[in-house]
PDB file of N, CA and C in Angstrom:
ATOM      1  N   MET A   1      -7.121 -52.322  26.737  1.00  0.00           N
ATOM      2  CA  MET A   1      -5.976 -51.576  27.212  1.00  0.00           C
ATOM      3  C   MET A   1      -4.952 -51.381  26.101  1.00  0.00           C
ATOM      4  N   VAL A   2      -4.731 -52.393  25.297  1.00  0.00           N
ATOM      5  CA  VAL A   2      -3.745 -52.291  24.228  1.00  0.00           C
ATOM      6  C   VAL A   2      -4.201 -51.268  23.186  1.00  0.00           C
ATOM      7  N   ALA A   3      -5.499 -51.239  22.912  1.00  0.00           N
ATOM      8  CA  ALA A   3      -6.018 -50.285  21.934  1.00  0.00           C
ATOM      9  C   ALA A   3      -5.814 -48.850  22.413  1.00  0.00           C
ATOM     10  N   ILE A   4      -6.021 -48.615  23.691  1.00  0.00           N
ATOM     11  CA  ILE A   4      -5.819 -47.274  24.241  1.00  0.00           C
ATOM     12  C   ILE A   4      -4.353 -46.882  24.140  1.00  0.00           C
ATOM     13  N   LEU A   5      -3.471 -47.800  24.477  1.00  0.00           N
ATOM     14  CA  LEU A   5      -2.034 -47.539  24.369  1.00  0.00           C
ATOM     15  C   LEU A   5      -1.650 -47.235  22.927  1.00  0.00           C
ATOM     16  N   ALA A   6      -2.154 -48.025  21.991  1.00  0.00           N
ATOM     17  CA  ALA A   6      -1.840 -47.810  20.580  1.00  0.00           C
ATOM     18  C   ALA A   6      -2.329 -46.437  20.120  1.00  0.00           C
ATOM     19  N   ARG A   7      -3.503 -46.063  20.538  1.00  0.00           N
ATOM     20  CA  ARG A   7      -4.056 -44.759  20.161  1.00  0.00           C
ATOM     21  C   ARG A   7      -3.210 -43.618  20.709  1.00  0.00           C
ATOM     22  N   ARG A   8      -2.799 -43.733  21.960  1.00  0.00           N
ATOM     23  CA  ARG A   8      -1.976 -42.687  22.572  1.00  0.00           C
ATOM     24  C   ARG A   8      -0.597 -42.602  21.929  1.00  0.00           C
ATOM     25  N   LEU A   9      -0.001 -43.741  21.651  1.00  0.00           N
ATOM     26  CA  LEU A   9       1.311 -43.743  21.007  1.00  0.00           C
ATOM     27  C   LEU A   9       1.226 -43.159  19.605  1.00  0.00           C
ATOM     28  N   TYR A  10       0.177 -43.508  18.875  1.00  0.00           N
ATOM     29  CA  TYR A  10      -0.016 -42.967  17.536  1.00  0.00           C
ATOM     30  C   TYR A  10      -0.166 -41.444  17.596  1.00  0.00           C
ATOM     31  N   GLY A  11      -0.985 -40.988  18.504  1.00  0.00           N
ATOM     32  CA  GLY A  11      -1.219 -39.552  18.627  1.00  0.00           C
ATOM     33  C   GLY A  11       0.017 -38.784  19.046  1.00  0.00           C
ATOM     34  N   ARG A  12       0.837 -39.390  19.876  1.00  0.00           N
ATOM     35  CA  ARG A  12       2.020 -38.695  20.389  1.00  0.00           C
ATOM     36  C   ARG A  12       3.193 -38.741  19.422  1.00  0.00           C
ATOM     37  N   HIS A  13       3.404 -39.855  18.746  1.00  0.00           N
ATOM     38  CA  HIS A  13       4.635 -40.037  17.990  1.00  0.00           C
ATOM     39  C   HIS A  13       4.468 -40.124  16.473  1.00  0.00           C
ATOM     40  N   ILE A  14       3.281 -40.431  15.984  1.00  0.00           N
ATOM     41  CA  ILE A  14       3.122 -40.680  14.551  1.00  0.00           C
ATOM     42  C   ILE A  14       2.268 -39.612  13.868  1.00  0.00           C
ATOM     43  N   ALA A  15       1.127 -39.302  14.444  1.00  0.00           N
ATOM     44  CA  ALA A  15       0.200 -38.358  13.812  1.00  0.00           C
ATOM     45  C   ALA A  15       0.832 -36.969  13.716  1.00  0.00           C
ATOM     46  N   PRO A  16       0.707 -36.312  12.567  1.00  0.00           N
ATOM     47  CA  PRO A  16       1.263 -34.958  12.436  1.00  0.00           C
ATOM     48  C   PRO A  16       0.440 -33.960  13.252  1.00  0.00           C
ATOM     49  N   ARG A  17       1.116 -32.980  13.804  1.00  0.00           N
ATOM     50  CA  ARG A  17       0.408 -31.947  14.557  1.00  0.00           C
ATOM     51  C   ARG A  17      -0.247 -30.971  13.594  1.00  0.00           C
ATOM     52  N   ALA A  18      -1.397 -30.507  13.972  1.00  0.00           N
ATOM     53  CA  ALA A  18      -2.126 -29.554  13.138  1.00  0.00           C
ATOM     54  C   ALA A  18      -1.398 -28.209  13.139  1.00  0.00           C
ATOM     55  N   GLU A  19      -1.369 -27.563  11.998  1.00  0.00           N
ATOM     56  CA  GLU A  19      -0.654 -26.287  11.866  1.00  0.00           C
ATOM     57  C   GLU A  19      -1.278 -25.204  12.743  1.00  0.00           C
ATOM     58  N   HIS A  20      -2.617 -25.201  12.879  1.00  0.00           N
ATOM     59  CA  HIS A  20      -3.244 -24.173  13.710  1.00  0.00           C
ATOM     60  C   HIS A  20      -2.853 -24.321  15.179  1.00  0.00           C
ATOM     61  N   VAL A  21      -2.548 -25.542  15.608  1.00  0.00           N
ATOM     62  CA  VAL A  21      -2.106 -25.752  16.991  1.00  0.00           C
ATOM     63  C   VAL A  21      -0.704 -25.181  17.171  1.00  0.00           C
ATOM     64  N   ARG A  22       0.170 -25.432  16.216  1.00  0.00           N
ATOM     65  CA  ARG A  22       1.528 -24.869  16.276  1.00  0.00           C
ATOM     66  C   ARG A  22       1.469 -23.341  16.333  1.00  0.00           C
ATOM     67  N   GLN A  23       0.615 -22.749  15.516  1.00  0.00           N
ATOM     68  CA  GLN A  23       0.496 -21.291  15.487  1.00  0.00           C
ATOM     69  C   GLN A  23      -0.020 -20.761  16.822  1.00  0.00           C
ATOM     70  N   ARG A  24      -1.013 -21.436  17.397  1.00  0.00           N
ATOM     71  CA  ARG A  24      -1.569 -20.971  18.671  1.00  0.00           C
ATOM     72  C   ARG A  24      -0.535 -21.074  19.787  1.00  0.00           C
ATOM     73  N   ILE A  25       0.249 -22.142  19.811  1.00  0.00           N
ATOM     74  CA  ILE A  25       1.298 -22.298  20.816  1.00  0.00           C
ATOM     75  C   ILE A  25       2.318 -21.173  20.688  1.00  0.00           C
ATOM     76  N   LYS A  26       2.659 -20.818  19.459  1.00  0.00           N
ATOM     77  CA  LYS A  26       3.595 -19.724  19.212  1.00  0.00           C
ATOM     78  C   LYS A  26       3.021 -18.406  19.739  1.00  0.00           C
ATOM     79  N   GLU A  27       1.737 -18.150  19.480  1.00  0.00           N
ATOM     80  CA  GLU A  27       1.090 -16.924  19.951  1.00  0.00           C
ATOM     81  C   GLU A  27       1.066 -16.859  21.473  1.00  0.00           C
ATOM     82  N   ILE A  28       0.794 -17.970  22.117  1.00  0.00           N
ATOM     83  CA  ILE A  28       0.772 -18.011  23.579  1.00  0.00           C
ATOM     84  C   ILE A  28       2.156 -17.717  24.126  1.00  0.00           C
ATOM     85  N   GLY A  29       3.178 -18.312  23.518  1.00  0.00           N
ATOM     86  CA  GLY A  29       4.554 -18.076  23.942  1.00  0.00           C
ATOM     87  C   GLY A  29       4.984 -16.630  23.783  1.00  0.00           C
ATOM     88  N   GLN A  30       4.431 -15.939  22.796  1.00  0.00           N
ATOM     89  CA  GLN A  30       4.758 -14.537  22.557  1.00  0.00           C
ATOM     90  C   GLN A  30       3.984 -13.594  23.480  1.00  0.00           C
ATOM     91  N   GLY A  31       3.069 -14.138  24.281  1.00  0.00           N
ATOM     92  CA  GLY A  31       2.327 -13.321  25.230  1.00  0.00           C
ATOM     93  C   GLY A  31       1.096 -12.649  24.655  1.00  0.00           C
ATOM     94  N   LYS A  32       0.606 -13.129  23.540  1.00  0.00           N
ATOM     95  CA  LYS A  32      -0.541 -12.500  22.884  1.00  0.00           C
ATOM     96  C   LYS A  32      -1.794 -12.509  23.760  1.00  0.00           C
ATOM     97  N   PHE A  33      -1.939 -13.505  24.616  1.00  0.00           N
ATOM     98  CA  PHE A  33      -3.158 -13.655  25.406  1.00  0.00           C
ATOM     99  C   PHE A  33      -2.958 -13.343  26.891  1.00  0.00           C
ATOM    100  N   ASP A  34      -1.836 -12.737  27.245  1.00  0.00           N
ATOM    101  CA  ASP A  34      -1.539 -12.470  28.650  1.00  0.00           C
ATOM    102  C   ASP A  34      -2.589 -11.586  29.319  1.00  0.00           C
ATOM    103  N   GLU A  35      -3.037 -10.536  28.629  1.00  0.00           N
ATOM    104  CA  GLU A  35      -4.032  -9.635  29.223  1.00  0.00           C
ATOM    105  C   GLU A  35      -5.353 -10.351  29.479  1.00  0.00           C
ATOM    106  N   GLU A  36      -5.799 -11.150  28.518  1.00  0.00           N
ATOM    107  CA  GLU A  36      -7.056 -11.875  28.676  1.00  0.00           C
ATOM    108  C   GLU A  36      -6.974 -12.886  29.819  1.00  0.00           C
ATOM    109  N   ILE A  37      -5.852 -13.583  29.900  1.00  0.00           N
ATOM    110  CA  ILE A  37      -5.671 -14.569  30.968  1.00  0.00           C
ATOM    111  C   ILE A  37      -5.645 -13.873  32.320  1.00  0.00           C
ATOM    112  N   LYS A  38      -4.957 -12.739  32.400  1.00  0.00           N
ATOM    113  CA  LYS A  38      -4.889 -11.998  33.659  1.00  0.00           C
ATOM    114  C   LYS A  38      -6.281 -11.547  34.098  1.00  0.00           C
ATOM    115  N   SER A  39      -7.083 -11.046  33.148  1.00  0.00           N
ATOM    116  CA  SER A  39      -8.426 -10.590  33.513  1.00  0.00           C
ATOM    117  C   SER A  39      -9.301 -11.755  33.975  1.00  0.00           C
ATOM    118  N   LEU A  40      -9.135 -12.926  33.373  1.00  0.00           N
ATOM    119  CA  LEU A  40      -9.891 -14.097  33.819  1.00  0.00           C
ATOM    120  C   LEU A  40      -9.450 -14.549  35.208  1.00  0.00           C
ATOM    121  N   MET A  41      -8.155 -14.487  35.466  1.00  0.00           N
ATOM    122  CA  MET A  41      -7.642 -14.904  36.773  1.00  0.00           C
ATOM    123  C   MET A  41      -8.129 -13.979  37.888  1.00  0.00           C
ATOM    124  N   GLU A  42      -8.340 -12.710  37.561  1.00  0.00           N
ATOM    125  CA  GLU A  42      -8.774 -11.736  38.563  1.00  0.00           C
ATOM    126  C   GLU A  42     -10.292 -11.635  38.678  1.00  0.00           C
ATOM    127  N   ALA A  43     -11.029 -12.267  37.788  1.00  0.00           N
ATOM    128  CA  ALA A  43     -12.490 -12.157  37.771  1.00  0.00           C
ATOM    129  C   ALA A  43     -13.119 -12.912  38.945  1.00  0.00           C
ATOM    130  N   THR A  44     -14.271 -12.423  39.363  1.00  0.00           N
ATOM    131  CA  THR A  44     -15.017 -13.111  40.412  1.00  0.00           C
ATOM    132  C   THR A  44     -15.688 -14.347  39.822  1.00  0.00           C
ATOM    133  N   GLU A  45     -16.144 -15.208  40.709  1.00  0.00           N
ATOM    134  CA  GLU A  45     -16.833 -16.414  40.249  1.00  0.00           C
ATOM    135  C   GLU A  45     -18.089 -16.051  39.465  1.00  0.00           C
ATOM    136  N   GLU A  46     -18.802 -15.038  39.919  1.00  0.00           N
ATOM    137  CA  GLU A  46     -20.023 -14.606  39.233  1.00  0.00           C
ATOM    138  C   GLU A  46     -19.713 -14.121  37.815  1.00  0.00           C
ATOM    139  N   LYS A  47     -18.653 -13.342  37.672  1.00  0.00           N
ATOM    140  CA  LYS A  47     -18.259 -12.851  36.348  1.00  0.00           C
ATOM    141  C   LYS A  47     -17.862 -14.014  35.440  1.00  0.00           C
ATOM    142  N   LEU A  48     -17.158 -14.998  35.982  1.00  0.00           N
ATOM    143  CA  LEU A  48     -16.781 -16.170  35.195  1.00  0.00           C
ATOM    144  C   LEU A  48     -18.012 -16.945  34.743  1.00  0.00           C
ATOM    145  N   ARG A  49     -19.003 -17.048  35.622  1.00  0.00           N
ATOM    146  CA  ARG A  49     -20.241 -17.734  35.250  1.00  0.00           C
ATOM    147  C   ARG A  49     -20.959 -16.994  34.116  1.00  0.00           C
ATOM    148  N   GLU A  50     -20.971 -15.653  34.191  1.00  0.00           N
ATOM    149  CA  GLU A  50     -21.593 -14.855  33.129  1.00  0.00           C
ATOM    150  C   GLU A  50     -20.868 -15.053  31.799  1.00  0.00           C
ATOM    151  N   LEU A  51     -19.552 -15.008  31.836  1.00  0.00           N
ATOM    152  CA  LEU A  51     -18.765 -15.201  30.615  1.00  0.00           C
ATOM    153  C   LEU A  51     -18.993 -16.591  30.033  1.00  0.00           C
ATOM    154  N   TYR A  52     -19.074 -17.579  30.910  1.00  0.00           N
ATOM    155  CA  TYR A  52     -19.289 -18.952  30.453  1.00  0.00           C
ATOM    156  C   TYR A  52     -20.657 -19.091  29.790  1.00  0.00           C
ATOM    157  N   ALA A  53     -21.665 -18.500  30.393  1.00  0.00           N
ATOM    158  CA  ALA A  53     -23.020 -18.599  29.849  1.00  0.00           C
ATOM    159  C   ALA A  53     -23.141 -17.857  28.515  1.00  0.00           C
ATOM    160  N   ALA A  54     -22.352 -16.804  28.330  1.00  0.00           N
ATOM    161  CA  ALA A  54     -22.449 -15.990  27.121  1.00  0.00           C
ATOM    162  C   ALA A  54     -21.456 -16.408  26.036  1.00  0.00           C
ATOM    163  N   ARG A  55     -20.738 -17.488  26.247  1.00  0.00           N
ATOM    164  CA  ARG A  55     -19.700 -17.889  25.285  1.00  0.00           C
ATOM    165  C   ARG A  55     -20.316 -18.302  23.955  1.00  0.00           C
ATOM    166  N   GLU A  56     -19.518 -18.213  22.915  1.00  0.00           N
ATOM    167  CA  GLU A  56     -19.944 -18.645  21.586  1.00  0.00           C
ATOM    168  C   GLU A  56     -19.636 -20.125  21.453  1.00  0.00           C
ATOM    169  N   ILE A  57     -20.647 -20.913  21.188  1.00  0.00           N
ATOM    170  CA  ILE A  57     -20.492 -22.364  21.113  1.00  0.00           C
ATOM    171  C   ILE A  57     -20.290 -22.767  19.663  1.00  0.00           C
ATOM    172  N   GLU A  58     -19.220 -23.520  19.415  1.00  0.00           N
ATOM    173  CA  GLU A  58     -18.943 -23.999  18.059  1.00  0.00           C
ATOM    174  C   GLU A  58     -19.899 -25.120  17.707  1.00  0.00           C
ATOM    175  N   LYS A  59     -20.249 -25.198  16.432  1.00  0.00           N
ATOM    176  CA  LYS A  59     -21.151 -26.260  15.986  1.00  0.00           C
ATOM    177  C   LYS A  59     -20.452 -27.159  15.026  1.00  0.00           C
TER     178      LYS A  59
END
């Protein structure tokens, strides 16, 4: 339990945030992905399953 607490505290308060994460948060705040999110929210379950199956998997 102490190790988990130490890891979480380190990650939250000590470890520097990655620059690409800061940039992505800024883009989200500016509404860059609003159209894509809206289309996903309106998609049927079948369409979501198709998109999920066709996604590009990082290696």
